[in-house]
Structures are given as structure tokens and as C-alpha cells.
Amino acid sequence: MSVVILDHPRDREENDHIAVVRINRPDALNALNLEVRQELARVFRELTEDDDVLAVLLTGDEKAFAAGADLKDMADRTTVEMFHRKTERLWQN
């Protein structure tokens, strides 16, 4: 199961040029763990280069948009791992 679902406008019968990106971790109220953050970054980079997409709607599910940071995921990380999580954005386009 993908933690991020992309509904691309080209996949719909009527192309409205709006991509819908859905966070998909209902068991954790869509809390943002490293996997979700990396997948969101990948999808947003892909959509940035897509001339067919004029807008992006970011959503969760009927229970929650996103509960925020996944504290359980963060608790299992070392200080060095947490540092890399914050600095990895510096090297991404």
C-alpha cells in the first residue's frame, strides 16, 4: 500500500489540470514519517515538471488531514539520523 496516492488529471475523464495528492496512512491518522515525507517530495518534484498540472490539492482522508510528525518514528532515530533528516533537503533540487 502506497503512503501517498496521486490522482493525476490526465487519468480522469475530464482533465481539470488539478492533481490530487492524498496522504494514505489511516492507521496513524496520516502522521508524517520519513517514508511519507520522501514520497511527498518525490511526487511534488514530478508534478513541478508536469506542464499539464496547474494546481495541486493535498489532502488526507475522512478522519484526518495529517496528525503532524510521527513521534513514534522519530523516537526510534539516533541524533545523527535526525540531523540527516533535516539536512537532506539542502541537497535536493
C-alpha atoms as a PDB file:
ATOM      1  CA  MET A   1       0.000   0.000   0.000  1.00  0.00           C
ATOM      2  CA  SER A   2       1.389   3.368  -1.026  1.00  0.00           C
ATOM      3  CA  VAL A   3       1.623   6.001   1.710  1.00  0.00           C
ATOM      4  CA  VAL A   4       0.908   8.727  -0.874  1.00  0.00           C
ATOM      5  CA  ILE A   5      -1.670   8.389  -3.633  1.00  0.00           C
ATOM      6  CA  LEU A   6      -1.531  10.602  -6.719  1.00  0.00           C
ATOM      7  CA  ASP A   7      -4.720  11.231  -8.684  1.00  0.00           C
ATOM      8  CA  HIS A   8      -3.331  12.814 -11.852  1.00  0.00           C
ATOM      9  CA  PRO A   9      -5.697  14.900 -14.006  1.00  0.00           C
ATOM     10  CA  ARG A  10      -4.685  13.017 -17.166  1.00  0.00           C
ATOM     11  CA  ASP A  11      -6.115   9.836 -15.601  1.00  0.00           C
ATOM     12  CA  ARG A  12      -9.579  11.338 -15.248  1.00  0.00           C
ATOM     13  CA  GLU A  13     -12.184  11.588 -17.998  1.00  0.00           C
ATOM     14  CA  GLU A  14     -12.369  15.365 -17.663  1.00  0.00           C
ATOM     15  CA  ASN A  15      -8.901  16.885 -17.257  1.00  0.00           C
ATOM     16  CA  ASP A  16      -9.261  19.842 -14.882  1.00  0.00           C
ATOM     17  CA  HIS A  17      -5.453  20.274 -14.548  1.00  0.00           C
ATOM     18  CA  ILE A  18      -5.685  19.673 -10.765  1.00  0.00           C
ATOM     19  CA  ALA A  19      -3.565  16.904  -9.265  1.00  0.00           C
ATOM     20  CA  VAL A  20      -4.908  15.436  -6.024  1.00  0.00           C
ATOM     21  CA  VAL A  21      -2.238  14.132  -3.641  1.00  0.00           C
ATOM     22  CA  ARG A  22      -3.604  12.066  -0.750  1.00  0.00           C
ATOM     23  CA  ILE A  23      -1.641  11.065   2.345  1.00  0.00           C
ATOM     24  CA  ASN A  24      -2.514   7.429   2.976  1.00  0.00           C
ATOM     25  CA  ARG A  25      -1.607   6.262   6.498  1.00  0.00           C
ATOM     26  CA  PRO A  26      -5.056   5.924   8.073  1.00  0.00           C
ATOM     27  CA  ASP A  27      -3.758   3.665  10.853  1.00  0.00           C
ATOM     28  CA  ALA A  28      -1.576   6.576  12.091  1.00  0.00           C
ATOM     29  CA  LEU A  29      -4.022   9.406  11.254  1.00  0.00           C
ATOM     30  CA  ASN A  30      -1.703  10.238   8.336  1.00  0.00           C
ATOM     31  CA  ALA A  31       1.203  11.135  10.613  1.00  0.00           C
ATOM     32  CA  LEU A  32       4.239  12.230   8.618  1.00  0.00           C
ATOM     33  CA  ASN A  33       7.015   9.678   8.938  1.00  0.00           C
ATOM     34  CA  LEU A  34      10.169   9.641   6.817  1.00  0.00           C
ATOM     35  CA  GLU A  35       8.581   7.431   4.151  1.00  0.00           C
ATOM     36  CA  VAL A  36       5.639   9.832   3.700  1.00  0.00           C
ATOM     37  CA  ARG A  37       7.918  12.882   3.584  1.00  0.00           C
ATOM     38  CA  GLN A  38      10.161  11.300   0.962  1.00  0.00           C
ATOM     39  CA  GLU A  39       7.222  10.162  -1.148  1.00  0.00           C
ATOM     40  CA  LEU A  40       5.563  13.593  -0.958  1.00  0.00           C
ATOM     41  CA  ALA A  41       8.839  15.195  -2.060  1.00  0.00           C
ATOM     42  CA  ARG A  42       9.107  12.763  -4.993  1.00  0.00           C
ATOM     43  CA  VAL A  43       5.508  13.381  -6.108  1.00  0.00           C
ATOM     44  CA  PHE A  44       5.842  17.173  -5.797  1.00  0.00           C
ATOM     45  CA  ARG A  45       9.090  17.130  -7.832  1.00  0.00           C
ATOM     46  CA  GLU A  46       7.302  15.069 -10.505  1.00  0.00           C
ATOM     47  CA  LEU A  47       4.332  17.447 -10.582  1.00  0.00           C
ATOM     48  CA  THR A  48       6.568  20.528 -10.727  1.00  0.00           C
ATOM     49  CA  GLU A  49       7.876  19.339 -14.095  1.00  0.00           C
ATOM     50  CA  ASP A  50       4.408  18.484 -15.469  1.00  0.00           C
ATOM     51  CA  ASP A  51       3.010  21.271 -17.673  1.00  0.00           C
ATOM     52  CA  ASP A  52      -0.424  19.610 -17.591  1.00  0.00           C
ATOM     53  CA  VAL A  53      -0.796  20.295 -13.847  1.00  0.00           C
ATOM     54  CA  LEU A  54      -1.811  23.825 -12.870  1.00  0.00           C
ATOM     55  CA  ALA A  55      -2.740  23.186  -9.226  1.00  0.00           C
ATOM     56  CA  VAL A  56      -2.187  20.572  -6.542  1.00  0.00           C
ATOM     57  CA  LEU A  57      -4.676  19.660  -3.837  1.00  0.00           C
ATOM     58  CA  LEU A  58      -3.051  17.993  -0.814  1.00  0.00           C
ATOM     59  CA  THR A  59      -5.476  16.027   1.331  1.00  0.00           C
ATOM     60  CA  GLY A  60      -5.776  13.237   3.868  1.00  0.00           C
ATOM     61  CA  ASP A  61      -8.828  11.092   4.461  1.00  0.00           C
ATOM     62  CA  GLU A  62     -12.214  11.469   6.143  1.00  0.00           C
ATOM     63  CA  LYS A  63     -10.692  11.109   9.646  1.00  0.00           C
ATOM     64  CA  ALA A  64      -7.624  13.321   9.412  1.00  0.00           C
ATOM     65  CA  PHE A  65      -5.620  15.523   7.101  1.00  0.00           C
ATOM     66  CA  ALA A  66      -2.357  14.779   8.928  1.00  0.00           C
ATOM     67  CA  ALA A  67      -1.676  14.294  12.613  1.00  0.00           C
ATOM     68  CA  GLY A  68       1.687  16.043  12.256  1.00  0.00           C
ATOM     69  CA  ALA A  69       5.097  14.477  12.780  1.00  0.00           C
ATOM     70  CA  ASP A  70       5.154  10.760  13.532  1.00  0.00           C
ATOM     71  CA  LEU A  71       6.620  10.843  17.047  1.00  0.00           C
ATOM     72  CA  LYS A  72       6.882   7.044  17.217  1.00  0.00           C
ATOM     73  CA  ASP A  73       9.060   7.082  14.108  1.00  0.00           C
ATOM     74  CA  MET A  74      11.209   9.907  15.495  1.00  0.00           C
ATOM     75  CA  ALA A  75      11.696   8.190  18.864  1.00  0.00           C
ATOM     76  CA  ASP A  76      13.495   5.283  17.194  1.00  0.00           C
ATOM     77  CA  ARG A  77      16.045   7.542  15.428  1.00  0.00           C
ATOM     78  CA  THR A  78      19.519   8.455  16.605  1.00  0.00           C
ATOM     79  CA  THR A  79      20.701  12.048  16.832  1.00  0.00           C
ATOM     80  CA  VAL A  80      22.736  11.614  13.645  1.00  0.00           C
ATOM     81  CA  GLU A  81      19.728  10.185  11.776  1.00  0.00           C
ATOM     82  CA  MET A  82      17.592  13.133  12.875  1.00  0.00           C
ATOM     83  CA  PHE A  83      20.297  15.559  11.720  1.00  0.00           C
ATOM     84  CA  HIS A  84      20.362  13.919   8.288  1.00  0.00           C
ATOM     85  CA  ARG A  85      16.577  14.100   8.043  1.00  0.00           C
ATOM     86  CA  LYS A  86      16.713  17.873   8.492  1.00  0.00           C
ATOM     87  CA  THR A  87      19.696  18.486   6.221  1.00  0.00           C
ATOM     88  CA  GLU A  88      18.781  16.165   3.344  1.00  0.00           C
ATOM     89  CA  ARG A  89      16.633  18.965   1.890  1.00  0.00           C
ATOM     90  CA  LEU A  90      19.764  21.039   1.278  1.00  0.00           C
ATOM     91  CA  TRP A  91      20.967  18.609  -1.402  1.00  0.00           C
ATOM     92  CA  GLN A  92      17.658  18.074  -3.176  1.00  0.00           C
ATOM     93  CA  ASN A  93      16.558  20.138  -6.166  1.00  0.00           C
END
